Amino acid sequence: MFPQHNYPLPIFGVDLVGSQKGIGAAIVDLSPINGQHTLS
């Protein structure tokens, strides 16, 4: 989820990668985009 350029929101992202053996990778985050690299 990419915020509009004038809204100070982090970037939500989630990924799943699975094979016949099961899910090998699952990741979720709210990634900060401010200069301090911190969430509000």
PDB file of all heavy atoms in Angstrom:
ATOM      1  N   MET A   1       0.857  -1.181   0.000  1.00  0.00           N
ATOM      2  CA  MET A   1       0.000   0.000   0.000  1.00  0.00           C
ATOM      3  C   MET A   1       0.898   1.237   0.000  1.00  0.00           C
ATOM      4  O   MET A   1       1.533   1.545   1.007  1.00  0.00           O
ATOM      5  CB  MET A   1      -0.909   0.001   1.227  1.00  0.00           C
ATOM      6  CG  MET A   1      -1.863  -1.170   1.296  1.00  0.00           C
ATOM      7  SD  MET A   1      -2.772  -1.284   2.883  1.00  0.00           S
ATOM      8  CE  MET A   1      -3.742   0.230   2.854  1.00  0.00           C
ATOM      9  N   PHE A   2       0.962   1.927  -1.129  1.00  0.00           N
ATOM     10  CA  PHE A   2       1.792   3.124  -1.248  1.00  0.00           C
ATOM     11  C   PHE A   2       0.962   4.367  -0.938  1.00  0.00           C
ATOM     12  O   PHE A   2       0.003   4.673  -1.656  1.00  0.00           O
ATOM     13  CB  PHE A   2       2.356   3.247  -2.660  1.00  0.00           C
ATOM     14  CG  PHE A   2       3.424   2.246  -2.990  1.00  0.00           C
ATOM     15  CD1 PHE A   2       3.145   1.172  -3.815  1.00  0.00           C
ATOM     16  CD2 PHE A   2       4.706   2.378  -2.486  1.00  0.00           C
ATOM     17  CE1 PHE A   2       4.122   0.248  -4.131  1.00  0.00           C
ATOM     18  CE2 PHE A   2       5.704   1.465  -2.798  1.00  0.00           C
ATOM     19  CZ  PHE A   2       5.406   0.393  -3.615  1.00  0.00           C
ATOM     20  N   PRO A   3       1.314   5.133   0.104  1.00  0.00           N
ATOM     21  CA  PRO A   3       0.567   6.366   0.409  1.00  0.00           C
ATOM     22  C   PRO A   3       0.777   7.431  -0.676  1.00  0.00           C
ATOM     23  O   PRO A   3       1.770   7.419  -1.413  1.00  0.00           O
ATOM     24  CB  PRO A   3       1.176   6.830   1.739  1.00  0.00           C
ATOM     25  CG  PRO A   3       1.866   5.628   2.299  1.00  0.00           C
ATOM     26  CD  PRO A   3       2.338   4.846   1.119  1.00  0.00           C
ATOM     27  N   GLN A   4      -0.174   8.347  -0.756  1.00  0.00           N
ATOM     28  CA  GLN A   4       0.029   9.523  -1.585  1.00  0.00           C
ATOM     29  C   GLN A   4       1.225  10.302  -1.045  1.00  0.00           C
ATOM     30  O   GLN A   4       1.561  10.222   0.137  1.00  0.00           O
ATOM     31  CB  GLN A   4      -1.217  10.406  -1.560  1.00  0.00           C
ATOM     32  CG  GLN A   4      -2.459   9.765  -2.160  1.00  0.00           C
ATOM     33  CD  GLN A   4      -2.465   9.759  -3.684  1.00  0.00           C
ATOM     34  OE1 GLN A   4      -1.472  10.105  -4.327  1.00  0.00           O
ATOM     35  NE2 GLN A   4      -3.580   9.354  -4.263  1.00  0.00           N
ATOM     36  N   HIS A   5       1.849  11.089  -1.928  1.00  0.00           N
ATOM     37  CA  HIS A   5       3.102  11.760  -1.564  1.00  0.00           C
ATOM     38  C   HIS A   5       2.923  12.813  -0.477  1.00  0.00           C
ATOM     39  O   HIS A   5       3.902  13.256   0.117  1.00  0.00           O
ATOM     40  CB  HIS A   5       3.710  12.420  -2.811  1.00  0.00           C
ATOM     41  CG  HIS A   5       2.913  13.584  -3.306  1.00  0.00           C
ATOM     42  ND1 HIS A   5       1.925  13.448  -4.251  1.00  0.00           N
ATOM     43  CD2 HIS A   5       2.942  14.906  -2.972  1.00  0.00           C
ATOM     44  CE1 HIS A   5       1.383  14.631  -4.488  1.00  0.00           C
ATOM     45  NE2 HIS A   5       1.977  15.529  -3.731  1.00  0.00           N
ATOM     46  N   ASN A   6       1.678  13.204  -0.200  1.00  0.00           N
ATOM     47  CA  ASN A   6       1.460  14.249   0.813  1.00  0.00           C
ATOM     48  C   ASN A   6       0.839  13.705   2.103  1.00  0.00           C
ATOM     49  O   ASN A   6       0.302  14.470   2.907  1.00  0.00           O
ATOM     50  CB  ASN A   6       0.590  15.371   0.242  1.00  0.00           C
ATOM     51  CG  ASN A   6      -0.750  14.865  -0.268  1.00  0.00           C
ATOM     52  OD1 ASN A   6      -0.903  13.699  -0.595  1.00  0.00           O
ATOM     53  ND2 ASN A   6      -1.713  15.767  -0.355  1.00  0.00           N
ATOM     54  N   TYR A   7       0.934  12.385   2.304  1.00  0.00           N
ATOM     55  CA  TYR A   7       0.453  11.799   3.558  1.00  0.00           C
ATOM     56  C   TYR A   7       1.607  11.066   4.249  1.00  0.00           C
ATOM     57  O   TYR A   7       2.217  10.162   3.662  1.00  0.00           O
ATOM     58  CB  TYR A   7      -0.709  10.839   3.314  1.00  0.00           C
ATOM     59  CG  TYR A   7      -2.008  11.570   3.087  1.00  0.00           C
ATOM     60  CD1 TYR A   7      -2.400  11.949   1.809  1.00  0.00           C
ATOM     61  CD2 TYR A   7      -2.827  11.915   4.166  1.00  0.00           C
ATOM     62  CE1 TYR A   7      -3.586  12.655   1.601  1.00  0.00           C
ATOM     63  CE2 TYR A   7      -4.013  12.613   3.968  1.00  0.00           C
ATOM     64  CZ  TYR A   7      -4.386  12.972   2.692  1.00  0.00           C
ATOM     65  OH  TYR A   7      -5.549  13.676   2.497  1.00  0.00           O
ATOM     66  N   PRO A   8       1.916  11.440   5.494  1.00  0.00           N
ATOM     67  CA  PRO A   8       3.070  10.881   6.200  1.00  0.00           C
ATOM     68  C   PRO A   8       2.751   9.513   6.820  1.00  0.00           C
ATOM     69  O   PRO A   8       2.749   9.335   8.040  1.00  0.00           O
ATOM     70  CB  PRO A   8       3.348  11.936   7.279  1.00  0.00           C
ATOM     71  CG  PRO A   8       1.992  12.488   7.599  1.00  0.00           C
ATOM     72  CD  PRO A   8       1.239  12.505   6.282  1.00  0.00           C
ATOM     73  N   LEU A   9       2.496   8.549   5.965  1.00  0.00           N
ATOM     74  CA  LEU A   9       2.135   7.209   6.399  1.00  0.00           C
ATOM     75  C   LEU A   9       3.229   6.211   6.038  1.00  0.00           C
ATOM     76  O   LEU A   9       3.902   6.379   5.008  1.00  0.00           O
ATOM     77  CB  LEU A   9       0.827   6.770   5.734  1.00  0.00           C
ATOM     78  CG  LEU A   9      -0.437   7.537   6.145  1.00  0.00           C
ATOM     79  CD1 LEU A   9      -1.571   7.259   5.159  1.00  0.00           C
ATOM     80  CD2 LEU A   9      -0.852   7.144   7.558  1.00  0.00           C
ATOM     81  N   PRO A  10       3.405   5.171   6.836  1.00  0.00           N
ATOM     82  CA  PRO A  10       4.351   4.119   6.465  1.00  0.00           C
ATOM     83  C   PRO A  10       3.807   3.304   5.297  1.00  0.00           C
ATOM     84  O   PRO A  10       2.665   3.504   4.856  1.00  0.00           O
ATOM     85  CB  PRO A  10       4.455   3.270   7.737  1.00  0.00           C
ATOM     86  CG  PRO A  10       3.147   3.469   8.424  1.00  0.00           C
ATOM     87  CD  PRO A  10       2.747   4.895   8.129  1.00  0.00           C
ATOM     88  N   ILE A  11       4.613   2.396   4.805  1.00  0.00           N
ATOM     89  CA  ILE A  11       4.224   1.536   3.694  1.00  0.00           C
ATOM     90  C   ILE A  11       3.893   0.148   4.240  1.00  0.00           C
ATOM     91  O   ILE A  11       4.765  -0.539   4.776  1.00  0.00           O
ATOM     92  CB  ILE A  11       5.337   1.445   2.636  1.00  0.00           C
ATOM     93  CG1 ILE A  11       5.588   2.826   2.026  1.00  0.00           C
ATOM     94  CG2 ILE A  11       4.966   0.439   1.544  1.00  0.00           C
ATOM     95  CD1 ILE A  11       6.742   2.859   1.036  1.00  0.00           C
ATOM     96  N   PHE A  12       2.629  -0.231   4.113  1.00  0.00           N
ATOM     97  CA  PHE A  12       2.233  -1.584   4.500  1.00  0.00           C
ATOM     98  C   PHE A  12       2.629  -2.560   3.403  1.00  0.00           C
ATOM     99  O   PHE A  12       2.389  -2.316   2.222  1.00  0.00           O
ATOM    100  CB  PHE A  12       0.718  -1.658   4.723  1.00  0.00           C
ATOM    101  CG  PHE A  12       0.201  -3.064   4.910  1.00  0.00           C
ATOM    102  CD1 PHE A  12       0.196  -3.654   6.168  1.00  0.00           C
ATOM    103  CD2 PHE A  12      -0.266  -3.795   3.832  1.00  0.00           C
ATOM    104  CE1 PHE A  12      -0.266  -4.956   6.339  1.00  0.00           C
ATOM    105  CE2 PHE A  12      -0.739  -5.094   3.985  1.00  0.00           C
ATOM    106  CZ  PHE A  12      -0.740  -5.680   5.253  1.00  0.00           C
ATOM    107  N   GLY A  13       3.221  -3.682   3.802  1.00  0.00           N
ATOM    108  CA  GLY A  13       3.569  -4.717   2.843  1.00  0.00           C
ATOM    109  C   GLY A  13       3.452  -6.093   3.462  1.00  0.00           C
ATOM    110  O   GLY A  13       3.740  -6.286   4.646  1.00  0.00           O
ATOM    111  N   VAL A  14       3.008  -7.057   2.663  1.00  0.00           N
ATOM    112  CA  VAL A  14       2.948  -8.448   3.110  1.00  0.00           C
ATOM    113  C   VAL A  14       3.240  -9.351   1.921  1.00  0.00           C
ATOM    114  O   VAL A  14       2.827  -9.066   0.791  1.00  0.00           O
ATOM    115  CB  VAL A  14       1.571  -8.781   3.732  1.00  0.00           C
ATOM    116  CG1 VAL A  14       0.436  -8.570   2.753  1.00  0.00           C
ATOM    117  CG2 VAL A  14       1.549 -10.213   4.260  1.00  0.00           C
ATOM    118  N   ASP A  15       4.004 -10.410   2.183  1.00  0.00           N
ATOM    119  CA  ASP A  15       4.354 -11.372   1.137  1.00  0.00           C
ATOM    120  C   ASP A  15       4.250 -12.786   1.685  1.00  0.00           C
ATOM    121  O   ASP A  15       4.618 -13.050   2.840  1.00  0.00           O
ATOM    122  CB  ASP A  15       5.775 -11.142   0.637  1.00  0.00           C
ATOM    123  CG  ASP A  15       5.916  -9.890  -0.208  1.00  0.00           C
ATOM    124  OD1 ASP A  15       5.688  -9.978  -1.428  1.00  0.00           O
ATOM    125  OD2 ASP A  15       6.245  -8.831   0.354  1.00  0.00           O
ATOM    126  N   LEU A  16       3.777 -13.683   0.830  1.00  0.00           N
ATOM    127  CA  LEU A  16       3.796 -15.115   1.103  1.00  0.00           C
ATOM    128  C   LEU A  16       4.439 -15.819  -0.081  1.00  0.00           C
ATOM    129  O   LEU A  16       4.152 -15.486  -1.238  1.00  0.00           O
ATOM    130  CB  LEU A  16       2.378 -15.677   1.268  1.00  0.00           C
ATOM    131  CG  LEU A  16       1.535 -15.247   2.459  1.00  0.00           C
ATOM    132  CD1 LEU A  16       0.140 -15.876   2.335  1.00  0.00           C
ATOM    133  CD2 LEU A  16       2.186 -15.684   3.762  1.00  0.00           C
ATOM    134  N   VAL A  17       5.305 -16.785   0.205  1.00  0.00           N
ATOM    135  CA  VAL A  17       5.888 -17.619  -0.836  1.00  0.00           C
ATOM    136  C   VAL A  17       5.760 -19.066  -0.379  1.00  0.00           C
ATOM    137  O   VAL A  17       6.248 -19.427   0.696  1.00  0.00           O
ATOM    138  CB  VAL A  17       7.369 -17.282  -1.098  1.00  0.00           C
ATOM    139  CG1 VAL A  17       7.931 -18.186  -2.196  1.00  0.00           C
ATOM    140  CG2 VAL A  17       7.527 -15.818  -1.485  1.00  0.00           C
ATOM    141  N   GLY A  18       5.086 -19.883  -1.185  1.00  0.00           N
ATOM    142  CA  GLY A  18       4.865 -21.267  -0.793  1.00  0.00           C
ATOM    143  C   GLY A  18       5.196 -22.236  -1.913  1.00  0.00           C
ATOM    144  O   GLY A  18       5.093 -21.910  -3.095  1.00  0.00           O
ATOM    145  N   SER A  19       5.602 -23.430  -1.520  1.00  0.00           N
ATOM    146  CA  SER A  19       5.893 -24.508  -2.464  1.00  0.00           C
ATOM    147  C   SER A  19       5.116 -25.740  -2.031  1.00  0.00           C
ATOM    148  O   SER A  19       4.295 -25.693  -1.102  1.00  0.00           O
ATOM    149  CB  SER A  19       7.389 -24.805  -2.479  1.00  0.00           C
ATOM    150  OG  SER A  19       7.799 -25.371  -1.239  1.00  0.00           O
ATOM    151  N   GLN A  20       5.386 -26.870  -2.687  1.00  0.00           N
ATOM    152  CA  GLN A  20       4.716 -28.108  -2.309  1.00  0.00           C
ATOM    153  C   GLN A  20       5.099 -28.543  -0.899  1.00  0.00           C
ATOM    154  O   GLN A  20       4.379 -29.306  -0.255  1.00  0.00           O
ATOM    155  CB  GLN A  20       5.062 -29.206  -3.317  1.00  0.00           C
ATOM    156  CG  GLN A  20       4.461 -28.959  -4.703  1.00  0.00           C
ATOM    157  CD  GLN A  20       4.903 -29.997  -5.719  1.00  0.00           C
ATOM    158  OE1 GLN A  20       6.053 -30.417  -5.732  1.00  0.00           O
ATOM    159  NE2 GLN A  20       3.971 -30.428  -6.558  1.00  0.00           N
ATOM    160  N   LYS A  21       6.214 -28.042  -0.395  1.00  0.00           N
ATOM    161  CA  LYS A  21       6.666 -28.384   0.951  1.00  0.00           C
ATOM    162  C   LYS A  21       6.017 -27.520   2.024  1.00  0.00           C
ATOM    163  O   LYS A  21       6.191 -27.761   3.215  1.00  0.00           O
ATOM    164  CB  LYS A  21       8.186 -28.242   1.041  1.00  0.00           C
ATOM    165  CG  LYS A  21       8.952 -29.199   0.141  1.00  0.00           C
ATOM    166  CD  LYS A  21      10.452 -28.986   0.285  1.00  0.00           C
ATOM    167  CE  LYS A  21      11.226 -29.928  -0.616  1.00  0.00           C
ATOM    168  NZ  LYS A  21      12.704 -29.719  -0.497  1.00  0.00           N
ATOM    169  N   GLY A  22       5.284 -26.484   1.606  1.00  0.00           N
ATOM    170  CA  GLY A  22       4.668 -25.569   2.554  1.00  0.00           C
ATOM    171  C   GLY A  22       5.106 -24.145   2.300  1.00  0.00           C
ATOM    172  O   GLY A  22       5.752 -23.842   1.286  1.00  0.00           O
ATOM    173  N   ILE A  23       4.771 -23.248   3.200  1.00  0.00           N
ATOM    174  CA  ILE A  23       5.112 -21.835   3.051  1.00  0.00           C
ATOM    175  C   ILE A  23       6.529 -21.613   3.557  1.00  0.00           C
ATOM    176  O   ILE A  23       6.819 -21.833   4.739  1.00  0.00           O
ATOM    177  CB  ILE A  23       4.112 -20.953   3.794  1.00  0.00           C
ATOM    178  CG1 ILE A  23       2.728 -21.110   3.149  1.00  0.00           C
ATOM    179  CG2 ILE A  23       4.545 -19.487   3.761  1.00  0.00           C
ATOM    180  CD1 ILE A  23       1.630 -20.373   3.862  1.00  0.00           C
ATOM    181  N   GLY A  24       7.392 -21.179   2.676  1.00  0.00           N
ATOM    182  CA  GLY A  24       8.792 -20.980   3.036  1.00  0.00           C
ATOM    183  C   GLY A  24       9.097 -19.594   3.553  1.00  0.00           C
ATOM    184  O   GLY A  24      10.089 -19.398   4.258  1.00  0.00           O
ATOM    185  N   ALA A  25       8.248 -18.628   3.218  1.00  0.00           N
ATOM    186  CA  ALA A  25       8.493 -17.253   3.658  1.00  0.00           C
ATOM    187  C   ALA A  25       7.175 -16.529   3.827  1.00  0.00           C
ATOM    188  O   ALA A  25       6.297 -16.583   2.955  1.00  0.00           O
ATOM    189  CB  ALA A  25       9.365 -16.516   2.649  1.00  0.00           C
ATOM    190  N   ALA A  26       7.035 -15.858   4.964  1.00  0.00           N
ATOM    191  CA  ALA A  26       5.867 -15.025   5.251  1.00  0.00           C
ATOM    192  C   ALA A  26       6.368 -13.775   5.959  1.00  0.00           C
ATOM    193  O   ALA A  26       7.030 -13.873   6.991  1.00  0.00           O
ATOM    194  CB  ALA A  26       4.861 -15.777   6.128  1.00  0.00           C
ATOM    195  N   ILE A  27       6.083 -12.619   5.397  1.00  0.00           N
ATOM    196  CA  ILE A  27       6.589 -11.372   5.963  1.00  0.00           C
ATOM    197  C   ILE A  27       5.501 -10.318   5.944  1.00  0.00           C
ATOM    198  O   ILE A  27       4.719 -10.229   4.993  1.00  0.00           O
ATOM    199  CB  ILE A  27       7.844 -10.873   5.199  1.00  0.00           C
ATOM    200  CG1 ILE A  27       8.430  -9.629   5.868  1.00  0.00           C
ATOM    201  CG2 ILE A  27       7.541 -10.640   3.729  1.00  0.00           C
ATOM    202  CD1 ILE A  27       9.786  -9.227   5.314  1.00  0.00           C
ATOM    203  N   VAL A  28       5.422  -9.542   7.016  1.00  0.00           N
ATOM    204  CA  VAL A  28       4.514  -8.404   7.071  1.00  0.00           C
ATOM    205  C   VAL A  28       5.210  -7.279   7.822  1.00  0.00           C
ATOM    206  O   VAL A  28       5.959  -7.518   8.768  1.00  0.00           O
ATOM    207  CB  VAL A  28       3.175  -8.767   7.760  1.00  0.00           C
ATOM    208  CG1 VAL A  28       3.375  -9.180   9.208  1.00  0.00           C
ATOM    209  CG2 VAL A  28       2.186  -7.605   7.670  1.00  0.00           C
ATOM    210  N   ASP A  29       4.953  -6.046   7.378  1.00  0.00           N
ATOM    211  CA  ASP A  29       5.577  -4.907   8.046  1.00  0.00           C
ATOM    212  C   ASP A  29       4.823  -3.629   7.716  1.00  0.00           C
ATOM    213  O   ASP A  29       4.061  -3.555   6.733  1.00  0.00           O
ATOM    214  CB  ASP A  29       7.040  -4.754   7.617  1.00  0.00           C
ATOM    215  CG  ASP A  29       7.795  -3.749   8.495  1.00  0.00           C
ATOM    216  OD1 ASP A  29       7.524  -3.726   9.710  1.00  0.00           O
ATOM    217  OD2 ASP A  29       8.629  -2.993   7.966  1.00  0.00           O
ATOM    218  N   LEU A  30       5.052  -2.630   8.552  1.00  0.00           N
ATOM    219  CA  LEU A  30       4.689  -1.243   8.286  1.00  0.00           C
ATOM    220  C   LEU A  30       6.005  -0.481   8.255  1.00  0.00           C
ATOM    221  O   LEU A  30       6.573  -0.164   9.293  1.00  0.00           O
ATOM    222  CB  LEU A  30       3.751  -0.722   9.371  1.00  0.00           C
ATOM    223  CG  LEU A  30       2.319  -1.268   9.289  1.00  0.00           C
ATOM    224  CD1 LEU A  30       1.606  -1.162  10.625  1.00  0.00           C
ATOM    225  CD2 LEU A  30       1.542  -0.529   8.202  1.00  0.00           C
ATOM    226  N   SER A  31       6.507  -0.229   7.061  1.00  0.00           N
ATOM    227  CA  SER A  31       7.857   0.297   6.899  1.00  0.00           C
ATOM    228  C   SER A  31       7.869   1.821   6.972  1.00  0.00           C
ATOM    229  O   SER A  31       7.189   2.496   6.189  1.00  0.00           O
ATOM    230  CB  SER A  31       8.440  -0.147   5.553  1.00  0.00           C
ATOM    231  OG  SER A  31       8.487  -1.562   5.484  1.00  0.00           O
ATOM    232  N   PRO A  32       8.650   2.391   7.907  1.00  0.00           N
ATOM    233  CA  PRO A  32       8.704   3.851   8.044  1.00  0.00           C
ATOM    234  C   PRO A  32       9.345   4.499   6.814  1.00  0.00           C
ATOM    235  O   PRO A  32      10.263   3.930   6.204  1.00  0.00           O
ATOM    236  CB  PRO A  32       9.580   4.065   9.276  1.00  0.00           C
ATOM    237  CG  PRO A  32       9.663   2.737   9.958  1.00  0.00           C
ATOM    238  CD  PRO A  32       9.513   1.715   8.884  1.00  0.00           C
ATOM    239  N   ILE A  33       8.878   5.682   6.479  1.00  0.00           N
ATOM    240  CA  ILE A  33       9.485   6.400   5.348  1.00  0.00           C
ATOM    241  C   ILE A  33       9.983   7.783   5.767  1.00  0.00           C
ATOM    242  O   ILE A  33      10.399   8.573   4.913  1.00  0.00           O
ATOM    243  CB  ILE A  33       8.520   6.494   4.144  1.00  0.00           C
ATOM    244  CG1 ILE A  33       7.132   7.015   4.552  1.00  0.00           C
ATOM    245  CG2 ILE A  33       8.349   5.127   3.495  1.00  0.00           C
ATOM    246  CD1 ILE A  33       6.987   8.498   4.625  1.00  0.00           C
ATOM    247  N   ASN A  34       9.952   8.076   7.080  1.00  0.00           N
ATOM    248  CA  ASN A  34      10.454   9.385   7.512  1.00  0.00           C
ATOM    249  C   ASN A  34      11.967   9.349   7.698  1.00  0.00           C
ATOM    250  O   ASN A  34      12.595   8.282   7.682  1.00  0.00           O
ATOM    251  CB  ASN A  34       9.759   9.848   8.803  1.00  0.00           C
ATOM    252  CG  ASN A  34       9.914   8.852   9.940  1.00  0.00           C
ATOM    253  OD1 ASN A  34      10.915   8.148  10.040  1.00  0.00           O
ATOM    254  ND2 ASN A  34       8.919   8.788  10.807  1.00  0.00           N
ATOM    255  N   GLY A  35      12.556  10.503   7.881  1.00  0.00           N
ATOM    256  CA  GLY A  35      14.003  10.604   7.989  1.00  0.00           C
ATOM    257  C   GLY A  35      14.582   9.906   9.196  1.00  0.00           C
ATOM    258  O   GLY A  35      15.740   9.461   9.175  1.00  0.00           O
ATOM    259  N   GLN A  36      13.798   9.765  10.255  1.00  0.00           N
ATOM    260  CA  GLN A  36      14.265   9.093  11.469  1.00  0.00           C
ATOM    261  C   GLN A  36      14.086   7.580  11.377  1.00  0.00           C
ATOM    262  O   GLN A  36      14.550   6.838  12.235  1.00  0.00           O
ATOM    263  CB  GLN A  36      13.502   9.612  12.696  1.00  0.00           C
ATOM    264  CG  GLN A  36      13.690  11.086  12.990  1.00  0.00           C
ATOM    265  CD  GLN A  36      12.927  11.975  12.011  1.00  0.00           C
ATOM    266  OE1 GLN A  36      11.799  11.662  11.639  1.00  0.00           O
ATOM    267  NE2 GLN A  36      13.556  13.072  11.600  1.00  0.00           N
ATOM    268  N   HIS A  37      13.416   7.133  10.340  1.00  0.00           N
ATOM    269  CA  HIS A  37      13.112   5.715  10.125  1.00  0.00           C
ATOM    270  C   HIS A  37      12.431   5.111  11.353  1.00  0.00           C
ATOM    271  O   HIS A  37      12.802   4.058  11.861  1.00  0.00           O
ATOM    272  CB  HIS A  37      14.369   4.916   9.763  1.00  0.00           C
ATOM    273  CG  HIS A  37      14.040   3.581   9.143  1.00  0.00           C
ATOM    274  ND1 HIS A  37      13.508   3.467   7.893  1.00  0.00           N
ATOM    275  CD2 HIS A  37      14.134   2.310   9.628  1.00  0.00           C
ATOM    276  CE1 HIS A  37      13.302   2.192   7.615  1.00  0.00           C
ATOM    277  NE2 HIS A  37      13.667   1.466   8.651  1.00  0.00           N
ATOM    278  N   THR A  38      11.417   5.797  11.827  1.00  0.00           N
ATOM    279  CA  THR A  38      10.634   5.333  12.969  1.00  0.00           C
ATOM    280  C   THR A  38       9.154   5.487  12.671  1.00  0.00           C
ATOM    281  O   THR A  38       8.741   6.389  11.927  1.00  0.00           O
ATOM    282  CB  THR A  38      10.967   6.135  14.242  1.00  0.00           C
ATOM    283  OG1 THR A  38      10.717   7.531  13.983  1.00  0.00           O
ATOM    284  CG2 THR A  38      12.409   5.923  14.661  1.00  0.00           C
ATOM    285  N   LEU A  39       8.366   4.618  13.257  1.00  0.00           N
ATOM    286  CA  LEU A  39       6.927   4.737  13.156  1.00  0.00           C
ATOM    287  C   LEU A  39       6.439   5.761  14.185  1.00  0.00           C
ATOM    288  O   LEU A  39       7.057   5.952  15.234  1.00  0.00           O
ATOM    289  CB  LEU A  39       6.262   3.389  13.415  1.00  0.00           C
ATOM    290  CG  LEU A  39       6.503   2.302  12.355  1.00  0.00           C
ATOM    291  CD1 LEU A  39       5.978   0.967  12.853  1.00  0.00           C
ATOM    292  CD2 LEU A  39       5.838   2.675  11.031  1.00  0.00           C
ATOM    293  N   SER A  40       5.331   6.384  13.891  1.00  0.00           N
ATOM    294  CA  SER A  40       4.759   7.349  14.828  1.00  0.00           C
ATOM    295  C   SER A  40       4.290   6.622  16.086  1.00  0.00           C
ATOM    296  O   SER A  40       4.100   5.403  16.099  1.00  0.00           O
ATOM    297  CB  SER A  40       3.590   8.075  14.175  1.00  0.00           C
ATOM    298  OG  SER A  40       2.514   7.173  13.952  1.00  0.00           O
TER     299      SER A  40
END
